[in-house]
Amino acid sequence: MKRKELFQLKQALERVSTLKGVKFAYSIAKNLQEVNKEIEAVNKAIAPSEEFMKYEKERIKLNEEYAEKTEDGSPKVLNNNYVISPRNRGSYEKRMEDLKNKHKKVLSERDEQIKEYQALLEENVDITLHKIQEGNLPSDITAEQISGILPVIE
């Protein structure tokens, strides 16, 4: 199983975690525990550095400064992007380029970190899953739910 598949397995396990059956519930809980440990380690690998967070704070401040304002004076956001007014676009782009140049090393390190993270997600993971016997599946489990937890069904 690849590490990226653990995120899907976690969601599938969480979706069936309320189904009844002692042995079933025990297996689901054990598997969630193992999957969560691995996911936590993967998430630590992508955590941004303190230096990158400083850049990000400056970038957001710059975006808020140049963004069009709503009626209440807050920065206008559309589709998770700040709306920069066309009249300010040139000045904004110049300042953004200066900011990127100022933090060039940090941005390069972040790009490398993201590439390493993506490669990590593609690697096979050595995880011990607690198998669920077919006879211990709840009677009200759906085919969709079974499909999600197939890696743990024996």
C-alpha atoms as a PDB file:
ATOM      1  CA  MET A   1       0.000   0.000   0.000  1.00  0.00           C
ATOM      2  CA  LYS A   2       1.304   3.459  -0.884  1.00  0.00           C
ATOM      3  CA  ARG A   3       1.385   6.179   1.771  1.00  0.00           C
ATOM      4  CA  LYS A   4      -1.072   8.316  -0.185  1.00  0.00           C
ATOM      5  CA  GLU A   5      -3.614   5.488   0.084  1.00  0.00           C
ATOM      6  CA  LEU A   6      -3.497   5.739   3.871  1.00  0.00           C
ATOM      7  CA  PHE A   7      -5.466   9.000   3.738  1.00  0.00           C
ATOM      8  CA  GLN A   8      -8.278   7.279   1.821  1.00  0.00           C
ATOM      9  CA  LEU A   9      -8.176   4.276   4.150  1.00  0.00           C
ATOM     10  CA  LYS A  10      -8.429   6.571   7.162  1.00  0.00           C
ATOM     11  CA  GLN A  11     -11.553   8.212   5.748  1.00  0.00           C
ATOM     12  CA  ALA A  12     -13.089   4.824   4.972  1.00  0.00           C
ATOM     13  CA  LEU A  13     -12.326   3.527   8.466  1.00  0.00           C
ATOM     14  CA  GLU A  14     -13.840   6.636  10.035  1.00  0.00           C
ATOM     15  CA  ARG A  15     -17.008   6.230   7.942  1.00  0.00           C
ATOM     16  CA  VAL A  16     -17.589   2.719   9.318  1.00  0.00           C
ATOM     17  CA  SER A  17     -16.473   3.440  12.882  1.00  0.00           C
ATOM     18  CA  THR A  18     -20.057   3.809  14.128  1.00  0.00           C
ATOM     19  CA  LEU A  19     -21.224   0.427  12.849  1.00  0.00           C
ATOM     20  CA  LYS A  20     -21.995  -2.203  15.479  1.00  0.00           C
ATOM     21  CA  GLY A  21     -20.076  -5.324  16.380  1.00  0.00           C
ATOM     22  CA  VAL A  22     -17.454  -5.699  19.101  1.00  0.00           C
ATOM     23  CA  LYS A  23     -14.827  -7.490  17.008  1.00  0.00           C
ATOM     24  CA  PHE A  24     -15.503  -5.182  14.078  1.00  0.00           C
ATOM     25  CA  ALA A  25     -15.233  -2.050  16.236  1.00  0.00           C
ATOM     26  CA  TYR A  26     -12.027  -3.323  17.838  1.00  0.00           C
ATOM     27  CA  SER A  27     -10.445  -3.939  14.431  1.00  0.00           C
ATOM     28  CA  ILE A  28     -11.504  -0.536  13.140  1.00  0.00           C
ATOM     29  CA  ALA A  29     -10.081   1.192  16.240  1.00  0.00           C
ATOM     30  CA  LYS A  30      -6.767  -0.702  15.992  1.00  0.00           C
ATOM     31  CA  ASN A  31      -6.430   0.110  12.296  1.00  0.00           C
ATOM     32  CA  LEU A  32      -7.258   3.775  12.834  1.00  0.00           C
ATOM     33  CA  GLN A  33      -4.571   3.915  15.507  1.00  0.00           C
ATOM     34  CA  GLU A  34      -1.935   2.478  13.149  1.00  0.00           C
ATOM     35  CA  VAL A  35      -2.999   4.566  10.163  1.00  0.00           C
ATOM     36  CA  ASN A  36      -3.075   7.757  12.246  1.00  0.00           C
ATOM     37  CA  LYS A  37       0.496   7.165  13.474  1.00  0.00           C
ATOM     38  CA  GLU A  38       1.770   6.891   9.921  1.00  0.00           C
ATOM     39  CA  ILE A  39      -0.268   9.873   8.698  1.00  0.00           C
ATOM     40  CA  GLU A  40       1.055  11.985  11.577  1.00  0.00           C
ATOM     41  CA  ALA A  41       4.617  11.188  10.520  1.00  0.00           C
ATOM     42  CA  VAL A  42       3.824  12.042   6.898  1.00  0.00           C
ATOM     43  CA  ASN A  43       2.189  15.321   7.937  1.00  0.00           C
ATOM     44  CA  LYS A  44       5.275  16.300   9.926  1.00  0.00           C
ATOM     45  CA  ALA A  45       7.316  15.910   6.751  1.00  0.00           C
ATOM     46  CA  ILE A  46       5.292  18.627   4.995  1.00  0.00           C
ATOM     47  CA  ALA A  47       5.099  21.064   7.910  1.00  0.00           C
ATOM     48  CA  PRO A  48       6.376  24.471   6.752  1.00  0.00           C
ATOM     49  CA  SER A  49       9.506  25.906   8.330  1.00  0.00           C
ATOM     50  CA  GLU A  50       9.428  28.940  10.578  1.00  0.00           C
ATOM     51  CA  GLU A  51      11.216  30.932   7.858  1.00  0.00           C
ATOM     52  CA  PHE A  52       8.584  29.964   5.288  1.00  0.00           C
ATOM     53  CA  MET A  53       5.838  31.033   7.678  1.00  0.00           C
ATOM     54  CA  LYS A  54       7.503  34.465   7.962  1.00  0.00           C
ATOM     55  CA  TYR A  55       7.402  34.758   4.161  1.00  0.00           C
ATOM     56  CA  GLU A  56       3.777  33.611   4.134  1.00  0.00           C
ATOM     57  CA  LYS A  57       2.831  36.239   6.710  1.00  0.00           C
ATOM     58  CA  GLU A  58       4.481  38.970   4.611  1.00  0.00           C
ATOM     59  CA  ARG A  59       2.808  37.635   1.446  1.00  0.00           C
ATOM     60  CA  ILE A  60      -0.642  37.721   3.043  1.00  0.00           C
ATOM     61  CA  LYS A  61      -0.042  41.230   4.384  1.00  0.00           C
ATOM     62  CA  LEU A  62       0.959  42.405   0.903  1.00  0.00           C
ATOM     63  CA  ASN A  63      -2.112  40.783  -0.645  1.00  0.00           C
ATOM     64  CA  GLU A  64      -4.380  42.371   1.936  1.00  0.00           C
ATOM     65  CA  GLU A  65      -2.782  45.762   1.321  1.00  0.00           C
ATOM     66  CA  TYR A  66      -3.342  45.630  -2.460  1.00  0.00           C
ATOM     67  CA  ALA A  67      -6.657  43.785  -2.508  1.00  0.00           C
ATOM     68  CA  GLU A  68      -9.879  45.522  -3.361  1.00  0.00           C
ATOM     69  CA  LYS A  69     -11.957  46.127  -0.242  1.00  0.00           C
ATOM     70  CA  THR A  70     -15.474  45.010   0.564  1.00  0.00           C
ATOM     71  CA  GLU A  71     -18.097  47.345   2.001  1.00  0.00           C
ATOM     72  CA  ASP A  72     -16.876  46.597   5.526  1.00  0.00           C
ATOM     73  CA  GLY A  73     -13.270  47.386   4.564  1.00  0.00           C
ATOM     74  CA  SER A  74     -11.958  43.831   4.576  1.00  0.00           C
ATOM     75  CA  PRO A  75      -9.918  42.471   1.650  1.00  0.00           C
ATOM     76  CA  LYS A  76     -12.035  41.103  -1.190  1.00  0.00           C
ATOM     77  CA  VAL A  77     -11.487  37.376  -1.837  1.00  0.00           C
ATOM     78  CA  LEU A  78     -12.870  35.368  -4.750  1.00  0.00           C
ATOM     79  CA  ASN A  79     -12.276  31.607  -5.109  1.00  0.00           C
ATOM     80  CA  ASN A  80      -9.719  31.757  -2.275  1.00  0.00           C
ATOM     81  CA  ASN A  81      -7.707  34.448  -4.093  1.00  0.00           C
ATOM     82  CA  TYR A  82      -7.348  38.082  -3.178  1.00  0.00           C
ATOM     83  CA  VAL A  83      -8.880  40.363  -5.803  1.00  0.00           C
ATOM     84  CA  ILE A  84      -6.210  42.871  -6.836  1.00  0.00           C
ATOM     85  CA  SER A  85      -7.507  45.964  -8.543  1.00  0.00           C
ATOM     86  CA  PRO A  86      -6.200  46.479 -12.102  1.00  0.00           C
ATOM     87  CA  ARG A  87      -4.969  49.975 -11.234  1.00  0.00           C
ATOM     88  CA  ASN A  88      -2.720  48.530  -8.504  1.00  0.00           C
ATOM     89  CA  ARG A  89      -1.626  45.428 -10.430  1.00  0.00           C
ATOM     90  CA  GLY A  90       1.762  46.782 -11.613  1.00  0.00           C
ATOM     91  CA  SER A  91       2.843  48.015  -8.199  1.00  0.00           C
ATOM     92  CA  TYR A  92       1.544  44.847  -6.554  1.00  0.00           C
ATOM     93  CA  GLU A  93       3.437  42.563  -8.942  1.00  0.00           C
ATOM     94  CA  LYS A  94       6.666  44.526  -8.408  1.00  0.00           C
ATOM     95  CA  ARG A  95       6.393  44.268  -4.635  1.00  0.00           C
ATOM     96  CA  MET A  96       5.461  40.583  -4.844  1.00  0.00           C
ATOM     97  CA  GLU A  97       8.507  39.907  -7.028  1.00  0.00           C
ATOM     98  CA  ASP A  98      10.704  41.769  -4.516  1.00  0.00           C
ATOM     99  CA  LEU A  99       9.231  39.675  -1.701  1.00  0.00           C
ATOM    100  CA  LYS A 100       9.925  36.445  -3.591  1.00  0.00           C
ATOM    101  CA  ASN A 101      13.501  37.541  -4.292  1.00  0.00           C
ATOM    102  CA  LYS A 102      13.995  38.427  -0.634  1.00  0.00           C
ATOM    103  CA  HIS A 103      12.882  34.905   0.356  1.00  0.00           C
ATOM    104  CA  LYS A 104      14.294  33.063  -2.647  1.00  0.00           C
ATOM    105  CA  LYS A 105      16.217  30.511  -0.573  1.00  0.00           C
ATOM    106  CA  VAL A 106      13.232  29.744   1.671  1.00  0.00           C
ATOM    107  CA  LEU A 107      10.921  29.330  -1.335  1.00  0.00           C
ATOM    108  CA  SER A 108      13.412  27.023  -3.017  1.00  0.00           C
ATOM    109  CA  GLU A 109      13.670  24.939   0.157  1.00  0.00           C
ATOM    110  CA  ARG A 110       9.870  24.778   0.370  1.00  0.00           C
ATOM    111  CA  ASP A 111       9.626  23.620  -3.261  1.00  0.00           C
ATOM    112  CA  GLU A 112      12.167  20.893  -2.530  1.00  0.00           C
ATOM    113  CA  GLN A 113      10.257  19.881   0.604  1.00  0.00           C
ATOM    114  CA  ILE A 114       7.044  19.554  -1.417  1.00  0.00           C
ATOM    115  CA  LYS A 115       8.801  17.406  -4.046  1.00  0.00           C
ATOM    116  CA  GLU A 116      10.193  15.133  -1.324  1.00  0.00           C
ATOM    117  CA  TYR A 117       6.738  14.920   0.274  1.00  0.00           C
ATOM    118  CA  GLN A 118       5.144  13.938  -3.026  1.00  0.00           C
ATOM    119  CA  ALA A 119       7.789  11.247  -3.509  1.00  0.00           C
ATOM    120  CA  LEU A 120       7.172  10.042   0.052  1.00  0.00           C
ATOM    121  CA  LEU A 121       3.461   9.659  -0.701  1.00  0.00           C
ATOM    122  CA  GLU A 122       4.289   7.402  -3.650  1.00  0.00           C
ATOM    123  CA  GLU A 123       6.443   5.046  -1.561  1.00  0.00           C
ATOM    124  CA  ASN A 124       5.101   1.785  -0.218  1.00  0.00           C
ATOM    125  CA  VAL A 125       4.490   1.841   3.510  1.00  0.00           C
ATOM    126  CA  ASP A 126       5.207  -0.981   5.919  1.00  0.00           C
ATOM    127  CA  ILE A 127       2.174  -0.933   8.176  1.00  0.00           C
ATOM    128  CA  THR A 128       0.600  -3.781  10.096  1.00  0.00           C
ATOM    129  CA  LEU A 129      -3.158  -3.703   9.653  1.00  0.00           C
ATOM    130  CA  HIS A 130      -5.455  -5.647  11.953  1.00  0.00           C
ATOM    131  CA  LYS A 131      -7.482  -7.879   9.651  1.00  0.00           C
ATOM    132  CA  ILE A 132     -11.246  -8.158   9.982  1.00  0.00           C
ATOM    133  CA  GLN A 133     -12.748 -11.572   9.362  1.00  0.00           C
ATOM    134  CA  GLU A 134     -15.510 -11.480   6.784  1.00  0.00           C
ATOM    135  CA  GLY A 135     -17.867 -13.049   9.324  1.00  0.00           C
ATOM    136  CA  ASN A 136     -17.312 -10.103  11.698  1.00  0.00           C
ATOM    137  CA  LEU A 137     -18.576  -7.496   9.239  1.00  0.00           C
ATOM    138  CA  PRO A 138     -21.770  -5.784  10.439  1.00  0.00           C
ATOM    139  CA  SER A 139     -24.919  -6.856   8.622  1.00  0.00           C
ATOM    140  CA  ASP A 140     -25.780  -3.234   7.802  1.00  0.00           C
ATOM    141  CA  ILE A 141     -22.460  -2.432   6.095  1.00  0.00           C
ATOM    142  CA  THR A 142     -22.865  -1.223   2.511  1.00  0.00           C
ATOM    143  CA  ALA A 143     -20.930  -2.273  -0.572  1.00  0.00           C
ATOM    144  CA  GLU A 144     -19.441   1.232  -0.750  1.00  0.00           C
ATOM    145  CA  GLN A 145     -18.225   0.961   2.839  1.00  0.00           C
ATOM    146  CA  ILE A 146     -16.761  -2.498   2.214  1.00  0.00           C
ATOM    147  CA  SER A 147     -14.974  -1.185  -0.861  1.00  0.00           C
ATOM    148  CA  GLY A 148     -13.253   1.491   1.248  1.00  0.00           C
ATOM    149  CA  ILE A 149     -11.971  -0.944   3.866  1.00  0.00           C
ATOM    150  CA  LEU A 150     -11.065  -3.858   1.587  1.00  0.00           C
ATOM    151  CA  PRO A 151      -7.373  -3.697   2.597  1.00  0.00           C
ATOM    152  CA  VAL A 152      -8.319  -4.729   6.144  1.00  0.00           C
ATOM    153  CA  ILE A 153     -10.836  -7.460   5.305  1.00  0.00           C
ATOM    154  CA  GLU A 154      -9.628 -11.030   5.353  1.00  0.00           C
END
